[in-house]
Amino acid sequence: MARLARSPKLETREARIKLPTPADRRPYWKQLTPGVFIGYRKNATGGVWVCRIAAKAVGRTDAASPYLFKTLGAADDTADSNGVDILTYRQAFDAALEFAEDCKTHDKPAAKYIVAEAVADYLKEHYQKEGRSLARTLAMLEAHILPTLGKRIVAELTTKEINEWLMRLAAGKKRVRGGHLIDFNKKDAEEVRRRKASANRILTALKAPLNHAYRAGRVPSDDAWRRVAPFKRADAPKVRYLSADEARRLLNACG
């Protein structure tokens, strides 16, 4: 275990509470090792740990920007640490150094870095470390993302391409247990809403590894997918009230 870089301002929740909240939300930075910094971004309801790494410090000559960034988790300001997404200063310190080591092991240039590799790196470096169940996520990735976008170079993805992919998801057949694809009634507003809600969830599953790749400096920009908006009002279930006839039948059945 690395020797802790002491920081009286950041080590305890009591000290962090006394820090003023910057108007520009700029983090309070503490250097851990040459080129590796941990940051504390204070919010009205608590703070967040972030990490900033100079690409040169980890030998990343392939990096698309001078710095690599990652959000490590929430600070234990208002809740006790769980070691996963709520972290003490010590835990955030260790996570920052671990991220720095991860950055050293990846040297593929952005011009050749494909979506499938971004997914693999995300699952290895972020998802599994949080102890999450992979089964559902893997099924979604393998069914809807890797077959169509897996071989695409991340840096060459366009907003138009991702939008068209999202539209095809919403209009395509729905997948049921066993991996079978079946048609849905496109004249049924509720069925259409469900398909859009499902497409939104898959879009979120795509953006997660792409954002991870961008924060790690493996691609130069996140503009292509950041500009893609999910379907609006797709997650709101249809609300229907009973007719007078239906209400009477229900009351009679209850009696």
Protein backbone atom coordinates (compact mmCIF):
# COMPACT_ATOMS: atom_id res chain seq x y z
CA MET A 1 0.00 0.00 0.00
CA ALA A 2 1.42 3.38 -1.04
CA ARG A 3 2.29 5.92 1.62
CA LEU A 4 -0.57 8.35 2.03
CA ALA A 5 -0.06 11.91 0.79
CA ARG A 6 -1.33 13.89 3.75
CA SER A 7 -3.79 16.75 3.22
CA PRO A 8 -5.23 18.45 6.32
CA LYS A 9 -7.87 20.18 4.17
CA LEU A 10 -9.21 17.01 2.57
CA GLU A 11 -8.55 14.05 4.87
CA THR A 12 -11.55 14.42 7.17
CA ARG A 13 -15.18 15.33 6.59
CA GLU A 14 -14.92 17.93 9.35
CA ALA A 15 -12.13 19.72 7.47
CA ARG A 16 -13.95 19.48 4.14
CA ILE A 17 -17.14 20.98 5.63
CA LYS A 18 -15.18 24.14 6.48
CA LEU A 19 -14.01 24.62 2.89
CA PRO A 20 -15.88 27.30 0.92
CA THR A 21 -17.76 26.12 -2.17
CA PRO A 22 -16.01 27.65 -5.22
CA ALA A 23 -18.36 29.56 -7.53
CA ASP A 24 -16.82 27.84 -10.56
CA ARG A 25 -17.01 24.37 -8.90
CA ARG A 26 -13.28 23.98 -9.39
CA PRO A 27 -11.88 21.09 -7.32
CA TYR A 28 -9.43 21.43 -4.47
CA TRP A 29 -6.37 19.56 -5.77
CA LYS A 30 -3.71 17.57 -3.92
CA GLN A 31 -0.70 16.09 -5.69
CA LEU A 32 -0.12 12.43 -4.82
CA THR A 33 2.85 11.59 -7.00
CA PRO A 34 4.48 13.53 -9.87
CA GLY A 35 1.71 14.20 -12.39
CA VAL A 36 -1.04 12.46 -10.37
CA PHE A 37 -3.56 14.59 -8.48
CA ILE A 38 -6.65 13.87 -6.42
CA GLY A 39 -9.36 16.50 -6.40
CA TYR A 40 -12.30 17.27 -4.15
CA ARG A 41 -15.19 19.06 -5.87
CA LYS A 42 -17.47 20.52 -3.22
CA ASN A 43 -21.23 20.72 -3.85
CA ALA A 44 -24.11 22.00 -1.78
CA THR A 45 -25.03 18.47 -0.65
CA GLY A 46 -21.56 16.95 -0.36
CA GLY A 47 -18.41 16.47 -2.37
CA VAL A 48 -17.05 14.24 -5.12
CA TRP A 49 -13.57 12.79 -5.53
CA VAL A 50 -11.94 13.23 -8.95
CA CYS A 51 -8.55 12.35 -10.35
CA ARG A 52 -6.31 14.23 -12.81
CA ILE A 53 -3.26 12.62 -14.35
CA ALA A 54 -0.71 14.22 -16.64
CA ALA A 55 -0.49 11.94 -19.68
CA LYS A 56 3.30 12.30 -19.81
CA ALA A 57 3.59 11.17 -16.19
CA VAL A 58 2.23 7.73 -17.08
CA GLY A 59 4.02 7.46 -20.41
CA ARG A 60 0.85 7.93 -22.44
CA THR A 61 2.26 9.36 -25.65
CA ASP A 62 -0.92 8.16 -27.38
CA ALA A 63 -3.25 10.25 -25.20
CA ALA A 64 -5.50 12.64 -27.05
CA SER A 65 -5.19 15.38 -24.39
CA PRO A 66 -2.51 16.50 -21.89
CA TYR A 67 -4.55 15.22 -18.92
CA LEU A 68 -6.57 12.11 -18.10
CA PHE A 69 -9.58 12.51 -15.81
CA LYS A 70 -11.81 10.21 -13.81
CA THR A 71 -14.58 10.64 -11.25
CA LEU A 72 -13.69 8.29 -8.40
CA GLY A 73 -16.85 8.48 -6.29
CA ALA A 74 -18.68 10.55 -3.71
CA ALA A 75 -16.86 11.72 -0.60
CA ASP A 76 -18.02 10.39 2.77
CA ASP A 77 -19.32 13.82 3.76
CA THR A 78 -22.91 12.90 4.61
CA ALA A 79 -22.79 9.10 4.60
CA ASP A 80 -20.30 6.50 5.78
CA SER A 81 -17.95 5.01 3.21
CA ASN A 82 -18.89 1.75 1.52
CA GLY A 83 -15.63 1.44 -0.41
CA VAL A 84 -17.46 1.42 -3.75
CA ASP A 85 -19.13 4.70 -4.63
CA ILE A 86 -18.73 6.51 -1.30
CA LEU A 87 -15.06 6.89 -0.43
CA THR A 88 -12.86 8.19 2.35
CA TYR A 89 -9.80 10.26 1.45
CA ARG A 90 -7.61 7.17 1.83
CA GLN A 91 -9.83 5.10 -0.45
CA ALA A 92 -9.94 7.86 -3.06
CA PHE A 93 -6.14 8.12 -2.82
CA ASP A 94 -5.79 4.40 -3.55
CA ALA A 95 -8.33 4.57 -6.39
CA ALA A 96 -6.43 7.46 -8.00
CA LEU A 97 -3.14 5.54 -7.91
CA GLU A 98 -4.90 2.47 -9.30
CA PHE A 99 -6.30 4.54 -12.16
CA ALA A 100 -2.79 5.85 -12.85
CA GLU A 101 -1.53 2.26 -13.11
CA ASP A 102 -4.39 1.37 -15.46
CA CYS A 103 -3.43 4.28 -17.70
CA LYS A 104 0.14 3.00 -17.95
CA THR A 105 -1.00 -0.35 -19.32
CA HIS A 106 -2.89 1.04 -22.28
CA ASP A 107 -0.89 2.37 -25.22
CA LYS A 108 -3.11 1.80 -28.25
CA PRO A 109 -3.40 4.96 -30.39
CA ALA A 110 -6.82 6.58 -30.67
CA ALA A 111 -6.77 6.03 -34.44
CA LYS A 112 -7.08 2.27 -33.88
CA TYR A 113 -9.07 2.09 -30.65
CA ILE A 114 -12.42 0.42 -31.35
CA VAL A 115 -15.72 0.26 -29.45
CA ALA A 116 -15.19 -3.39 -28.47
CA GLU A 117 -11.90 -2.45 -26.78
CA ALA A 118 -13.57 0.47 -25.01
CA VAL A 119 -16.20 -1.95 -23.68
CA ALA A 120 -13.55 -4.44 -22.53
CA ASP A 121 -11.52 -1.73 -20.78
CA TYR A 122 -14.63 -0.35 -19.07
CA LEU A 123 -15.65 -3.76 -17.76
CA LYS A 124 -12.11 -4.47 -16.53
CA GLU A 125 -11.15 -1.09 -15.08
CA HIS A 126 -14.43 0.30 -13.82
CA TYR A 127 -17.42 -1.99 -13.83
CA GLN A 128 -15.94 -5.11 -12.21
CA LYS A 129 -14.06 -3.10 -9.62
CA GLU A 130 -17.37 -1.82 -8.30
CA GLY A 131 -18.53 -5.39 -7.76
CA ARG A 132 -21.54 -5.08 -10.03
CA SER A 133 -23.31 -8.01 -11.65
CA LEU A 134 -22.25 -8.31 -15.26
CA ALA A 135 -24.89 -10.69 -16.55
CA ARG A 136 -27.55 -8.19 -17.64
CA THR A 137 -25.06 -5.63 -18.90
CA LEU A 138 -23.13 -8.21 -20.92
CA ALA A 139 -26.33 -9.50 -22.49
CA MET A 140 -27.25 -5.96 -23.55
CA LEU A 141 -23.78 -5.22 -24.92
CA GLU A 142 -23.53 -8.47 -26.83
CA ALA A 143 -27.03 -8.23 -28.30
CA HIS A 144 -27.30 -4.57 -29.26
CA ILE A 145 -23.90 -2.85 -29.26
CA LEU A 146 -20.99 -5.12 -30.13
CA PRO A 147 -22.54 -6.71 -33.26
CA THR A 148 -23.27 -3.33 -34.89
CA LEU A 149 -20.72 -0.92 -33.40
CA GLY A 150 -18.05 -3.18 -31.90
CA LYS A 151 -15.56 -2.81 -34.77
CA ARG A 152 -16.06 0.93 -35.23
CA ILE A 153 -13.15 3.17 -34.26
CA VAL A 154 -14.37 5.24 -31.32
CA ALA A 155 -12.72 8.46 -32.54
CA GLU A 156 -14.56 8.13 -35.87
CA LEU A 157 -18.07 7.72 -34.44
CA THR A 158 -20.46 10.50 -35.43
CA THR A 159 -23.58 11.88 -33.81
CA LYS A 160 -25.57 11.06 -36.95
CA GLU A 161 -24.40 7.44 -36.87
CA ILE A 162 -25.32 6.95 -33.21
CA ASN A 163 -28.68 8.68 -33.67
CA GLU A 164 -29.53 6.39 -36.59
CA TRP A 165 -28.49 3.36 -34.52
CA LEU A 166 -30.76 4.54 -31.70
CA MET A 167 -33.70 5.00 -34.10
CA ARG A 168 -33.19 1.47 -35.46
CA LEU A 169 -33.25 0.09 -31.93
CA ALA A 170 -36.56 1.79 -31.19
CA ALA A 171 -38.13 0.66 -34.47
CA GLY A 172 -36.69 -2.85 -34.55
CA LYS A 173 -38.02 -6.12 -33.20
CA LYS A 174 -38.04 -6.61 -29.46
CA ARG A 175 -35.93 -9.31 -27.83
CA VAL A 176 -37.62 -11.76 -25.48
CA ARG A 177 -36.31 -14.52 -23.25
CA GLY A 178 -34.19 -17.01 -25.10
CA GLY A 179 -32.87 -14.31 -27.42
CA HIS A 180 -35.82 -14.54 -29.82
CA LEU A 181 -36.87 -11.45 -31.76
CA ILE A 182 -40.54 -10.68 -32.25
CA ASP A 183 -42.45 -7.84 -33.90
CA PHE A 184 -44.35 -5.30 -31.84
CA ASN A 185 -47.49 -3.35 -32.66
CA LYS A 186 -46.23 -0.01 -33.96
CA LYS A 187 -49.74 1.44 -33.79
CA ASP A 188 -49.92 0.82 -30.06
CA ALA A 189 -48.64 3.95 -28.29
CA GLU A 190 -47.70 2.01 -25.15
CA GLU A 191 -45.70 -0.56 -27.12
CA VAL A 192 -43.89 2.25 -28.95
CA ARG A 193 -43.10 3.93 -25.61
CA ARG A 194 -41.66 0.71 -24.22
CA ARG A 195 -39.43 0.24 -27.25
CA LYS A 196 -38.13 3.79 -26.89
CA ALA A 197 -37.51 3.26 -23.16
CA SER A 198 -35.56 0.10 -23.98
CA ALA A 199 -33.53 1.97 -26.62
CA ASN A 200 -32.73 4.67 -24.04
CA ARG A 201 -31.35 2.04 -21.64
CA ILE A 202 -29.16 0.59 -24.39
CA LEU A 203 -27.91 4.09 -25.28
CA THR A 204 -26.88 4.55 -21.64
CA ALA A 205 -25.02 1.21 -21.80
CA LEU A 206 -23.15 2.45 -24.88
CA LYS A 207 -22.26 5.85 -23.45
CA ALA A 208 -20.76 4.39 -20.25
CA PRO A 209 -17.70 2.70 -21.87
CA LEU A 210 -17.27 5.55 -24.37
CA ASN A 211 -17.22 8.11 -21.54
CA HIS A 212 -14.76 5.92 -19.65
CA ALA A 213 -12.49 5.86 -22.72
CA TYR A 214 -12.70 9.64 -23.06
CA ARG A 215 -11.94 10.31 -19.38
CA ALA A 216 -8.94 7.97 -19.63
CA GLY A 217 -7.60 10.01 -22.56
CA ARG A 218 -7.95 7.19 -25.09
CA VAL A 219 -10.09 9.22 -27.48
CA PRO A 220 -9.83 12.95 -28.23
CA SER A 221 -13.47 13.97 -27.83
CA ASP A 222 -16.84 12.86 -26.47
CA ASP A 223 -18.85 15.20 -28.70
CA ALA A 224 -20.26 12.45 -30.95
CA TRP A 225 -22.22 10.63 -28.23
CA ARG A 226 -22.66 13.54 -25.82
CA ARG A 227 -24.85 15.24 -28.44
CA VAL A 228 -27.14 12.21 -28.75
CA ALA A 229 -30.24 12.73 -26.63
CA PRO A 230 -32.49 9.88 -25.45
CA PHE A 231 -36.14 9.71 -26.48
CA LYS A 232 -38.25 12.12 -24.44
CA ARG A 233 -41.08 10.94 -22.19
CA ALA A 234 -40.22 7.32 -22.95
CA ASP A 235 -39.81 6.28 -19.33
CA ALA A 236 -43.18 7.57 -18.14
CA PRO A 237 -45.71 4.71 -18.03
CA LYS A 238 -49.07 5.30 -19.62
CA VAL A 239 -51.66 6.46 -17.08
CA ARG A 240 -55.22 5.30 -17.70
CA TYR A 241 -58.25 5.77 -15.49
CA LEU A 242 -61.07 3.30 -15.14
CA SER A 243 -64.26 4.13 -16.96
CA ALA A 244 -67.48 4.34 -14.94
CA ASP A 245 -68.44 0.87 -16.18
CA GLU A 246 -65.09 -0.61 -15.21
CA ALA A 247 -65.20 1.04 -11.79
CA ARG A 248 -68.65 -0.44 -11.11
CA ARG A 249 -67.51 -3.92 -12.14
CA LEU A 250 -64.46 -3.61 -9.90
CA LEU A 251 -66.60 -2.55 -6.91
CA ASN A 252 -69.02 -5.39 -7.54
CA ALA A 253 -66.15 -7.88 -7.72
CA CYS A 254 -64.74 -6.56 -4.44
CA GLY A 255 -68.13 -6.84 -2.76
